[in-house]
Amino acid sequence: MSIKLSNIVKRLEEAYPPDLAEEWDRVGLIVGRPSSPIDKVLVAVDPVDTILTEAIERRAQLIVTHHPLYLRGTSFVAATDPKGSLVHRLIENGIALFNAHTNADSAAGGVADCLAQAVGLEDTRPLIPHTENTGSGRIGRLAVPMPLRDFANKVAQSLPSCPAGILVGGELDASVSTVAVSGGSGDSFLTDARRAGADVYICADLRHHPASEHLAGGRPYLICATHWASEWPWVPRCARMLQESFPKQLEVEISRICTDPWEMRISPENENR
């Protein structure tokens, strides 16, 4: 059995409404014919070559990713560059591509909710609300306060493993209870996390100067995961939603391939250097 791509797109847009996306974002169907029959879907974070190869090997006809393929306009899709080559391979193999980006970040049950749940937060609410249940980031509390060092270890065990690991900034023995999270790059929400009274803020891609200047002002302390790891908890949630929506027509699989760009982290032998 199979189902039309248009029906899957409709369900995805119900779960992750396009009007929740930021104005600069590009979300929705990237490649594919709406009338195409689909019986297998692969859900991943990034639309990159390794994920497409995995989809081909698994015989999926649709890839659902968090990130868009093209965030800015393009005039060429020649197979002479990586993204153009990806478009060609998608079409040649009859595979459609759909993405839900900042709309999935903000939606109830989306990326922010999944990250909050993964690290054990309770009584969560949007950090920057659009409505009661939607908005950017999430803030909640731990069931039991714990030292930052212990909570950071919990976060490291709760997120998928990747070579870069996580970074921790702040007083490692200080007790933390209120936690803010944002999947992906999080510099822009540092002030919001402090204003909301968070003891610690989890996000990704923190830059040196914003992080250093923020920590000089005290809490929230910082836990910096990688971009892929902080957003991956959404992948199984999205897959489960699709499987439950079309239990007889679809087989939905998740990609566990780490698509962070880093292959290895090397610590110097002389740690005092």
C-alpha atoms as a PDB file:
ATOM      1  CA  MET A   1       0.000   0.000   0.000  1.00  0.00           C
ATOM      2  CA  SER A   2       1.056   3.590  -0.507  1.00  0.00           C
ATOM      3  CA  ILE A   3      -0.255   7.125  -0.143  1.00  0.00           C
ATOM      4  CA  LYS A   4       0.072  10.248  -2.266  1.00  0.00           C
ATOM      5  CA  LEU A   5       2.871  12.630  -1.394  1.00  0.00           C
ATOM      6  CA  SER A   6       0.318  15.462  -1.187  1.00  0.00           C
ATOM      7  CA  ASN A   7      -1.414  13.723   1.730  1.00  0.00           C
ATOM      8  CA  ILE A   8       1.853  13.372   3.624  1.00  0.00           C
ATOM      9  CA  VAL A   9       2.689  17.028   2.987  1.00  0.00           C
ATOM     10  CA  LYS A  10      -0.735  18.024   4.310  1.00  0.00           C
ATOM     11  CA  ARG A  11      -0.159  16.070   7.534  1.00  0.00           C
ATOM     12  CA  LEU A  12       3.320  17.518   8.007  1.00  0.00           C
ATOM     13  CA  GLU A  13       1.985  21.044   7.559  1.00  0.00           C
ATOM     14  CA  GLU A  14      -0.758  20.324  10.106  1.00  0.00           C
ATOM     15  CA  ALA A  15       1.882  19.245  12.621  1.00  0.00           C
ATOM     16  CA  TYR A  16       4.324  22.027  11.725  1.00  0.00           C
ATOM     17  CA  PRO A  17       2.249  24.936  10.370  1.00  0.00           C
ATOM     18  CA  PRO A  18       4.167  26.946   7.735  1.00  0.00           C
ATOM     19  CA  ASP A  19       2.922  30.210   9.238  1.00  0.00           C
ATOM     20  CA  LEU A  20       5.088  29.494  12.313  1.00  0.00           C
ATOM     21  CA  ALA A  21       8.232  29.773  10.164  1.00  0.00           C
ATOM     22  CA  GLU A  22      10.391  32.876  10.371  1.00  0.00           C
ATOM     23  CA  GLU A  23      10.075  35.301   7.442  1.00  0.00           C
ATOM     24  CA  TRP A  24      13.591  34.503   6.215  1.00  0.00           C
ATOM     25  CA  ASP A  25      13.016  30.755   6.253  1.00  0.00           C
ATOM     26  CA  ARG A  26      12.145  28.345   3.434  1.00  0.00           C
ATOM     27  CA  VAL A  27       9.947  25.418   4.416  1.00  0.00           C
ATOM     28  CA  GLY A  28       7.846  22.833   2.601  1.00  0.00           C
ATOM     29  CA  LEU A  29       8.189  20.556  -0.407  1.00  0.00           C
ATOM     30  CA  ILE A  30      11.580  21.084  -2.069  1.00  0.00           C
ATOM     31  CA  VAL A  31      11.580  18.301  -4.673  1.00  0.00           C
ATOM     32  CA  GLY A  32       8.756  15.979  -5.660  1.00  0.00           C
ATOM     33  CA  ARG A  33       5.516  15.513  -7.557  1.00  0.00           C
ATOM     34  CA  PRO A  34       2.473  15.802  -5.212  1.00  0.00           C
ATOM     35  CA  SER A  35       0.690  12.932  -6.984  1.00  0.00           C
ATOM     36  CA  SER A  36       3.603  10.502  -6.485  1.00  0.00           C
ATOM     37  CA  PRO A  37       2.845   7.353  -4.459  1.00  0.00           C
ATOM     38  CA  ILE A  38       4.932   6.984  -1.293  1.00  0.00           C
ATOM     39  CA  ASP A  39       5.274   3.892   0.863  1.00  0.00           C
ATOM     40  CA  LYS A  40       8.567   4.524   2.689  1.00  0.00           C
ATOM     41  CA  VAL A  41       9.860   7.704   4.356  1.00  0.00           C
ATOM     42  CA  LEU A  42      13.243   8.517   5.881  1.00  0.00           C
ATOM     43  CA  VAL A  43      13.400  11.299   8.527  1.00  0.00           C
ATOM     44  CA  ALA A  44      16.702  13.109   9.180  1.00  0.00           C
ATOM     45  CA  VAL A  45      18.140  16.447  10.284  1.00  0.00           C
ATOM     46  CA  ASP A  46      20.102  17.468   7.174  1.00  0.00           C
ATOM     47  CA  PRO A  47      19.503  17.136   3.413  1.00  0.00           C
ATOM     48  CA  VAL A  48      23.021  16.019   2.553  1.00  0.00           C
ATOM     49  CA  ASP A  49      24.603  13.412   0.324  1.00  0.00           C
ATOM     50  CA  THR A  50      25.033  10.747   3.018  1.00  0.00           C
ATOM     51  CA  ILE A  51      21.344  10.959   3.920  1.00  0.00           C
ATOM     52  CA  LEU A  52      20.304  10.666   0.271  1.00  0.00           C
ATOM     53  CA  THR A  53      22.543   7.619  -0.131  1.00  0.00           C
ATOM     54  CA  GLU A  54      20.905   6.101   2.944  1.00  0.00           C
ATOM     55  CA  ALA A  55      17.436   6.805   1.484  1.00  0.00           C
ATOM     56  CA  ILE A  56      18.405   5.122  -1.790  1.00  0.00           C
ATOM     57  CA  GLU A  57      19.723   2.079   0.083  1.00  0.00           C
ATOM     58  CA  ARG A  58      16.536   1.856   2.160  1.00  0.00           C
ATOM     59  CA  ARG A  59      14.360   2.367  -0.928  1.00  0.00           C
ATOM     60  CA  ALA A  60      12.594   5.401   0.532  1.00  0.00           C
ATOM     61  CA  GLN A  61      10.627   7.648  -1.855  1.00  0.00           C
ATOM     62  CA  LEU A  62      10.540  10.635   0.527  1.00  0.00           C
ATOM     63  CA  ILE A  63      13.096  12.271   2.803  1.00  0.00           C
ATOM     64  CA  VAL A  64      11.771  14.577   5.517  1.00  0.00           C
ATOM     65  CA  THR A  65      14.464  16.818   6.992  1.00  0.00           C
ATOM     66  CA  HIS A  66      14.594  19.596   9.520  1.00  0.00           C
ATOM     67  CA  HIS A  67      16.929  21.808   7.517  1.00  0.00           C
ATOM     68  CA  PRO A  68      16.126  23.237   4.079  1.00  0.00           C
ATOM     69  CA  LEU A  69      18.284  22.492   1.066  1.00  0.00           C
ATOM     70  CA  TYR A  70      18.277  26.090  -0.166  1.00  0.00           C
ATOM     71  CA  LEU A  71      17.860  28.816   2.440  1.00  0.00           C
ATOM     72  CA  ARG A  72      18.658  31.555  -0.068  1.00  0.00           C
ATOM     73  CA  GLY A  73      17.557  31.830  -3.659  1.00  0.00           C
ATOM     74  CA  THR A  74      19.517  30.152  -6.421  1.00  0.00           C
ATOM     75  CA  SER A  75      19.565  30.504 -10.186  1.00  0.00           C
ATOM     76  CA  PHE A  76      21.353  27.234 -10.976  1.00  0.00           C
ATOM     77  CA  VAL A  77      20.883  23.582 -10.041  1.00  0.00           C
ATOM     78  CA  ALA A  78      23.630  22.133 -12.223  1.00  0.00           C
ATOM     79  CA  ALA A  79      25.131  18.868 -10.980  1.00  0.00           C
ATOM     80  CA  THR A  80      28.505  20.607 -10.793  1.00  0.00           C
ATOM     81  CA  ASP A  81      27.984  21.784  -7.200  1.00  0.00           C
ATOM     82  CA  PRO A  82      26.953  19.732  -4.127  1.00  0.00           C
ATOM     83  CA  LYS A  83      23.400  21.042  -3.828  1.00  0.00           C
ATOM     84  CA  GLY A  84      22.722  20.870  -7.528  1.00  0.00           C
ATOM     85  CA  SER A  85      24.085  17.333  -7.574  1.00  0.00           C
ATOM     86  CA  LEU A  86      21.723  16.450  -4.715  1.00  0.00           C
ATOM     87  CA  VAL A  87      18.734  17.769  -6.673  1.00  0.00           C
ATOM     88  CA  HIS A  88      19.753  15.664  -9.674  1.00  0.00           C
ATOM     89  CA  ARG A  89      20.196  12.520  -7.573  1.00  0.00           C
ATOM     90  CA  LEU A  90      16.818  13.050  -5.886  1.00  0.00           C
ATOM     91  CA  ILE A  91      15.007  13.338  -9.213  1.00  0.00           C
ATOM     92  CA  GLU A  92      16.965  10.522 -10.866  1.00  0.00           C
ATOM     93  CA  ASN A  93      16.076   8.175  -8.008  1.00  0.00           C
ATOM     94  CA  GLY A  94      12.453   9.290  -7.736  1.00  0.00           C
ATOM     95  CA  ILE A  95      12.877  10.620  -4.183  1.00  0.00           C
ATOM     96  CA  ALA A  96      10.969  13.629  -2.881  1.00  0.00           C
ATOM     97  CA  LEU A  97      12.388  16.047  -0.287  1.00  0.00           C
ATOM     98  CA  PHE A  98      10.398  18.010   2.317  1.00  0.00           C
ATOM     99  CA  ASN A  99      11.621  20.162   5.180  1.00  0.00           C
ATOM    100  CA  ALA A 100      10.146  21.675   8.337  1.00  0.00           C
ATOM    101  CA  HIS A 101      12.599  24.157   9.831  1.00  0.00           C
ATOM    102  CA  THR A 102      11.724  27.095  12.094  1.00  0.00           C
ATOM    103  CA  ASN A 103       8.079  26.056  11.929  1.00  0.00           C
ATOM    104  CA  ALA A 104       9.132  22.730  13.490  1.00  0.00           C
ATOM    105  CA  ASP A 105      11.281  24.628  16.007  1.00  0.00           C
ATOM    106  CA  SER A 106       8.272  26.547  17.278  1.00  0.00           C
ATOM    107  CA  ALA A 107       5.448  24.012  16.929  1.00  0.00           C
ATOM    108  CA  ALA A 108       4.006  22.088  19.850  1.00  0.00           C
ATOM    109  CA  GLY A 109       5.725  18.722  19.779  1.00  0.00           C
ATOM    110  CA  GLY A 110       8.483  20.157  17.609  1.00  0.00           C
ATOM    111  CA  VAL A 111      12.246  20.500  17.958  1.00  0.00           C
ATOM    112  CA  ALA A 112      12.245  22.604  21.138  1.00  0.00           C
ATOM    113  CA  ASP A 113       9.752  20.347  22.930  1.00  0.00           C
ATOM    114  CA  CYS A 114      11.723  17.242  21.924  1.00  0.00           C
ATOM    115  CA  LEU A 115      14.999  18.679  23.232  1.00  0.00           C
ATOM    116  CA  ALA A 116      13.339  19.718  26.507  1.00  0.00           C
ATOM    117  CA  GLN A 117      11.901  16.238  26.938  1.00  0.00           C
ATOM    118  CA  ALA A 118      15.221  14.560  26.079  1.00  0.00           C
ATOM    119  CA  VAL A 119      17.071  16.371  28.888  1.00  0.00           C
ATOM    120  CA  GLY A 120      14.314  15.721  31.431  1.00  0.00           C
ATOM    121  CA  LEU A 121      12.487  19.032  31.803  1.00  0.00           C
ATOM    122  CA  GLU A 122       9.057  19.293  33.407  1.00  0.00           C
ATOM    123  CA  ASP A 123       6.353  21.983  33.274  1.00  0.00           C
ATOM    124  CA  THR A 124       7.753  23.425  30.052  1.00  0.00           C
ATOM    125  CA  ARG A 125       6.515  26.497  28.208  1.00  0.00           C
ATOM    126  CA  PRO A 126       7.808  28.484  25.217  1.00  0.00           C
ATOM    127  CA  LEU A 127      10.812  30.641  26.016  1.00  0.00           C
ATOM    128  CA  ILE A 128       9.642  33.240  23.475  1.00  0.00           C
ATOM    129  CA  PRO A 129       5.934  32.508  23.048  1.00  0.00           C
ATOM    130  CA  HIS A 130       3.828  32.943  19.938  1.00  0.00           C
ATOM    131  CA  THR A 131       0.838  31.329  21.633  1.00  0.00           C
ATOM    132  CA  GLU A 132       0.478  29.358  24.859  1.00  0.00           C
ATOM    133  CA  ASN A 133       1.991  26.228  23.300  1.00  0.00           C
ATOM    134  CA  THR A 134       4.073  27.530  20.382  1.00  0.00           C
ATOM    135  CA  GLY A 135       7.124  29.727  20.139  1.00  0.00           C
ATOM    136  CA  SER A 136      10.910  29.683  20.103  1.00  0.00           C
ATOM    137  CA  GLY A 137      12.779  27.610  22.654  1.00  0.00           C
ATOM    138  CA  ARG A 138      11.406  26.100  25.834  1.00  0.00           C
ATOM    139  CA  ILE A 139      11.962  26.681  29.544  1.00  0.00           C
ATOM    140  CA  GLY A 140      11.121  24.263  32.336  1.00  0.00           C
ATOM    141  CA  ARG A 141      12.490  22.742  35.517  1.00  0.00           C
ATOM    142  CA  LEU A 142      14.307  19.655  36.637  1.00  0.00           C
ATOM    143  CA  ALA A 143      12.444  17.244  38.888  1.00  0.00           C
ATOM    144  CA  VAL A 144      15.346  17.490  41.350  1.00  0.00           C
ATOM    145  CA  PRO A 145      17.948  20.291  41.379  1.00  0.00           C
ATOM    146  CA  MET A 146      21.507  19.118  40.750  1.00  0.00           C
ATOM    147  CA  PRO A 147      25.006  20.527  40.278  1.00  0.00           C
ATOM    148  CA  LEU A 148      25.735  21.923  36.824  1.00  0.00           C
ATOM    149  CA  ARG A 149      28.467  19.285  36.405  1.00  0.00           C
ATOM    150  CA  ASP A 150      25.976  16.448  36.972  1.00  0.00           C
ATOM    151  CA  PHE A 151      23.322  17.980  34.760  1.00  0.00           C
ATOM    152  CA  ALA A 152      25.821  18.489  31.938  1.00  0.00           C
ATOM    153  CA  ASN A 153      26.736  14.805  32.175  1.00  0.00           C
ATOM    154  CA  LYS A 154      23.031  13.949  32.020  1.00  0.00           C
ATOM    155  CA  VAL A 155      22.642  16.079  28.894  1.00  0.00           C
ATOM    156  CA  ALA A 156      25.645  14.373  27.289  1.00  0.00           C
ATOM    157  CA  GLN A 157      24.074  10.969  27.934  1.00  0.00           C
ATOM    158  CA  SER A 158      20.621  12.101  26.751  1.00  0.00           C
ATOM    159  CA  LEU A 159      21.664  13.445  23.340  1.00  0.00           C
ATOM    160  CA  PRO A 160      23.001  11.291  20.503  1.00  0.00           C
ATOM    161  CA  SER A 161      26.733  10.727  20.463  1.00  0.00           C
ATOM    162  CA  CYS A 162      28.878  12.732  18.057  1.00  0.00           C
ATOM    163  CA  PRO A 163      32.619  13.428  17.841  1.00  0.00           C
ATOM    164  CA  ALA A 164      32.501  17.039  19.057  1.00  0.00           C
ATOM    165  CA  GLY A 165      30.678  16.258  22.322  1.00  0.00           C
ATOM    166  CA  ILE A 166      29.377  19.179  24.398  1.00  0.00           C
ATOM    167  CA  LEU A 167      30.905  22.236  26.082  1.00  0.00           C
ATOM    168  CA  VAL A 168      29.969  23.540  29.534  1.00  0.00           C
ATOM    169  CA  GLY A 169      30.435  27.055  30.883  1.00  0.00           C
ATOM    170  CA  GLY A 170      29.737  28.227  34.435  1.00  0.00           C
ATOM    171  CA  GLU A 171      30.245  27.192  38.049  1.00  0.00           C
ATOM    172  CA  LEU A 172      30.341  23.409  37.769  1.00  0.00           C
ATOM    173  CA  ASP A 173      29.385  22.791  41.406  1.00  0.00           C
ATOM    174  CA  ALA A 174      26.512  25.306  41.436  1.00  0.00           C
ATOM    175  CA  SER A 175      22.993  23.889  41.799  1.00  0.00           C
ATOM    176  CA  VAL A 176      20.702  24.300  38.791  1.00  0.00           C
ATOM    177  CA  SER A 177      16.960  23.750  38.496  1.00  0.00           C
ATOM    178  CA  THR A 178      15.394  26.013  35.857  1.00  0.00           C
ATOM    179  CA  VAL A 179      16.571  25.184  32.344  1.00  0.00           C
ATOM    180  CA  ALA A 180      16.055  26.889  28.970  1.00  0.00           C
ATOM    181  CA  VAL A 181      16.676  25.075  25.693  1.00  0.00           C
ATOM    182  CA  SER A 182      16.830  25.884  22.000  1.00  0.00           C
ATOM    183  CA  GLY A 183      17.753  23.394  19.305  1.00  0.00           C
ATOM    184  CA  GLY A 184      20.391  24.623  16.867  1.00  0.00           C
ATOM    185  CA  SER A 185      22.193  27.971  16.980  1.00  0.00           C
ATOM    186  CA  GLY A 186      21.232  29.848  20.135  1.00  0.00           C
ATOM    187  CA  ASP A 187      23.214  33.090  20.436  1.00  0.00           C
ATOM    188  CA  SER A 188      20.159  35.198  19.791  1.00  0.00           C
ATOM    189  CA  PHE A 189      18.248  33.846  22.806  1.00  0.00           C
ATOM    190  CA  LEU A 190      20.888  34.428  25.494  1.00  0.00           C
ATOM    191  CA  THR A 191      19.146  37.541  26.806  1.00  0.00           C
ATOM    192  CA  ASP A 192      15.741  35.828  26.733  1.00  0.00           C
ATOM    193  CA  ALA A 193      17.054  32.882  28.751  1.00  0.00           C
ATOM    194  CA  ARG A 194      18.463  35.264  31.379  1.00  0.00           C
ATOM    195  CA  ARG A 195      15.288  37.335  31.465  1.00  0.00           C
ATOM    196  CA  ALA A 196      13.236  34.173  32.009  1.00  0.00           C
ATOM    197  CA  GLY A 197      15.296  33.253  35.076  1.00  0.00           C
ATOM    198  CA  ALA A 198      17.034  30.165  33.708  1.00  0.00           C
ATOM    199  CA  ASP A 199      19.890  28.677  35.707  1.00  0.00           C
ATOM    200  CA  VAL A 200      21.315  27.045  32.600  1.00  0.00           C
ATOM    201  CA  TYR A 201      20.710  27.390  28.872  1.00  0.00           C
ATOM    202  CA  ILE A 202      21.238  24.563  26.370  1.00  0.00           C
ATOM    203  CA  CYS A 203      21.730  25.302  22.670  1.00  0.00           C
ATOM    204  CA  ALA A 204      24.340  24.851  19.933  1.00  0.00           C
ATOM    205  CA  ASP A 205      26.948  26.777  17.955  1.00  0.00           C
ATOM    206  CA  LEU A 206      27.764  29.300  20.686  1.00  0.00           C
ATOM    207  CA  ARG A 207      30.520  31.676  19.593  1.00  0.00           C
ATOM    208  CA  HIS A 208      33.449  32.674  21.796  1.00  0.00           C
ATOM    209  CA  HIS A 209      32.690  36.338  22.430  1.00  0.00           C
ATOM    210  CA  PRO A 210      28.910  36.134  22.979  1.00  0.00           C
ATOM    211  CA  ALA A 211      29.374  33.175  25.340  1.00  0.00           C
ATOM    212  CA  SER A 212      32.251  34.794  27.254  1.00  0.00           C
ATOM    213  CA  GLU A 213      30.483  38.133  27.616  1.00  0.00           C
ATOM    214  CA  HIS A 214      27.266  36.415  28.677  1.00  0.00           C
ATOM    215  CA  LEU A 215      28.937  34.286  31.375  1.00  0.00           C
ATOM    216  CA  ALA A 216      30.641  37.384  32.775  1.00  0.00           C
ATOM    217  CA  GLY A 217      27.139  38.507  33.751  1.00  0.00           C
ATOM    218  CA  GLY A 218      26.328  35.313  35.637  1.00  0.00           C
ATOM    219  CA  ARG A 219      23.488  32.869  35.067  1.00  0.00           C
ATOM    220  CA  PRO A 220      22.254  31.169  33.047  1.00  0.00           C
ATOM    221  CA  TYR A 221      25.247  28.923  32.719  1.00  0.00           C
ATOM    222  CA  LEU A 222      25.792  27.436  29.280  1.00  0.00           C
ATOM    223  CA  ILE A 223      25.736  23.954  27.806  1.00  0.00           C
ATOM    224  CA  CYS A 224      26.701  24.019  24.145  1.00  0.00           C
ATOM    225  CA  ALA A 225      25.847  20.890  22.166  1.00  0.00           C
ATOM    226  CA  THR A 226      26.415  20.405  18.454  1.00  0.00           C
ATOM    227  CA  HIS A 227      23.807  21.562  15.977  1.00  0.00           C
ATOM    228  CA  TRP A 228      22.893  18.046  14.830  1.00  0.00           C
ATOM    229  CA  ALA A 229      22.764  16.525  18.316  1.00  0.00           C
ATOM    230  CA  SER A 230      20.535  19.265  19.732  1.00  0.00           C
ATOM    231  CA  GLU A 231      17.973  18.853  16.947  1.00  0.00           C
ATOM    232  CA  TRP A 232      18.065  15.087  16.400  1.00  0.00           C
ATOM    233  CA  PRO A 233      15.557  14.262  19.220  1.00  0.00           C
ATOM    234  CA  TRP A 234      12.873  15.636  16.875  1.00  0.00           C
ATOM    235  CA  VAL A 235      13.618  12.968  14.254  1.00  0.00           C
ATOM    236  CA  PRO A 236      12.012   9.976  16.031  1.00  0.00           C
ATOM    237  CA  ARG A 237       9.106  12.155  17.183  1.00  0.00           C
ATOM    238  CA  CYS A 238       8.355  13.261  13.609  1.00  0.00           C
ATOM    239  CA  ALA A 239       8.730   9.684  12.362  1.00  0.00           C
ATOM    240  CA  ARG A 240       6.327   8.398  15.002  1.00  0.00           C
ATOM    241  CA  MET A 241       3.772  11.064  14.089  1.00  0.00           C
ATOM    242  CA  LEU A 242       3.858  10.048  10.428  1.00  0.00           C
ATOM    243  CA  GLN A 243       3.724   6.326  11.242  1.00  0.00           C
ATOM    244  CA  GLU A 244       0.706   6.810  13.499  1.00  0.00           C
ATOM    245  CA  SER A 245      -0.994   9.027  10.910  1.00  0.00           C
ATOM    246  CA  PHE A 246      -0.640   6.458   8.103  1.00  0.00           C
ATOM    247  CA  PRO A 247      -0.150   3.105   9.868  1.00  0.00           C
ATOM    248  CA  LYS A 248      -1.160   0.930   6.900  1.00  0.00           C
ATOM    249  CA  GLN A 249       0.212   2.994   4.021  1.00  0.00           C
ATOM    250  CA  LEU A 250       3.660   4.056   5.233  1.00  0.00           C
ATOM    251  CA  GLU A 251       6.857   2.607   6.616  1.00  0.00           C
ATOM    252  CA  VAL A 252       8.769   5.368   8.355  1.00  0.00           C
ATOM    253  CA  GLU A 253      12.440   5.054   9.290  1.00  0.00           C
ATOM    254  CA  ILE A 254      14.837   7.375  11.082  1.00  0.00           C
ATOM    255  CA  SER A 255      18.405   8.243  10.142  1.00  0.00           C
ATOM    256  CA  ARG A 256      20.993   7.948  12.906  1.00  0.00           C
ATOM    257  CA  ILE A 257      23.853   9.190  10.739  1.00  0.00           C
ATOM    258  CA  CYS A 258      25.618  12.111  12.434  1.00  0.00           C
ATOM    259  CA  THR A 259      25.672  14.944   9.918  1.00  0.00           C
ATOM    260  CA  ASP A 260      27.715  17.389  11.972  1.00  0.00           C
ATOM    261  CA  PRO A 261      30.721  18.397   9.876  1.00  0.00           C
ATOM    262  CA  TRP A 262      33.249  17.249  12.497  1.00  0.00           C
ATOM    263  CA  GLU A 263      34.729  13.748  12.255  1.00  0.00           C
ATOM    264  CA  MET A 264      37.113  13.830  15.217  1.00  0.00           C
ATOM    265  CA  ARG A 265      37.873  15.776  18.397  1.00  0.00           C
ATOM    266  CA  ILE A 266      41.505  15.722  19.555  1.00  0.00           C
ATOM    267  CA  SER A 267      42.479  16.831  23.056  1.00  0.00           C
ATOM    268  CA  PRO A 268      46.068  18.058  23.425  1.00  0.00           C
ATOM    269  CA  GLU A 269      48.377  15.638  25.249  1.00  0.00           C
ATOM    270  CA  ASN A 270      49.732  18.516  27.350  1.00  0.00           C
ATOM    271  CA  GLU A 271      46.557  19.874  28.943  1.00  0.00           C
ATOM    272  CA  ASN A 272      48.473  22.662  30.672  1.00  0.00           C
ATOM    273  CA  ARG A 273      49.642  24.124  27.379  1.00  0.00           C
END
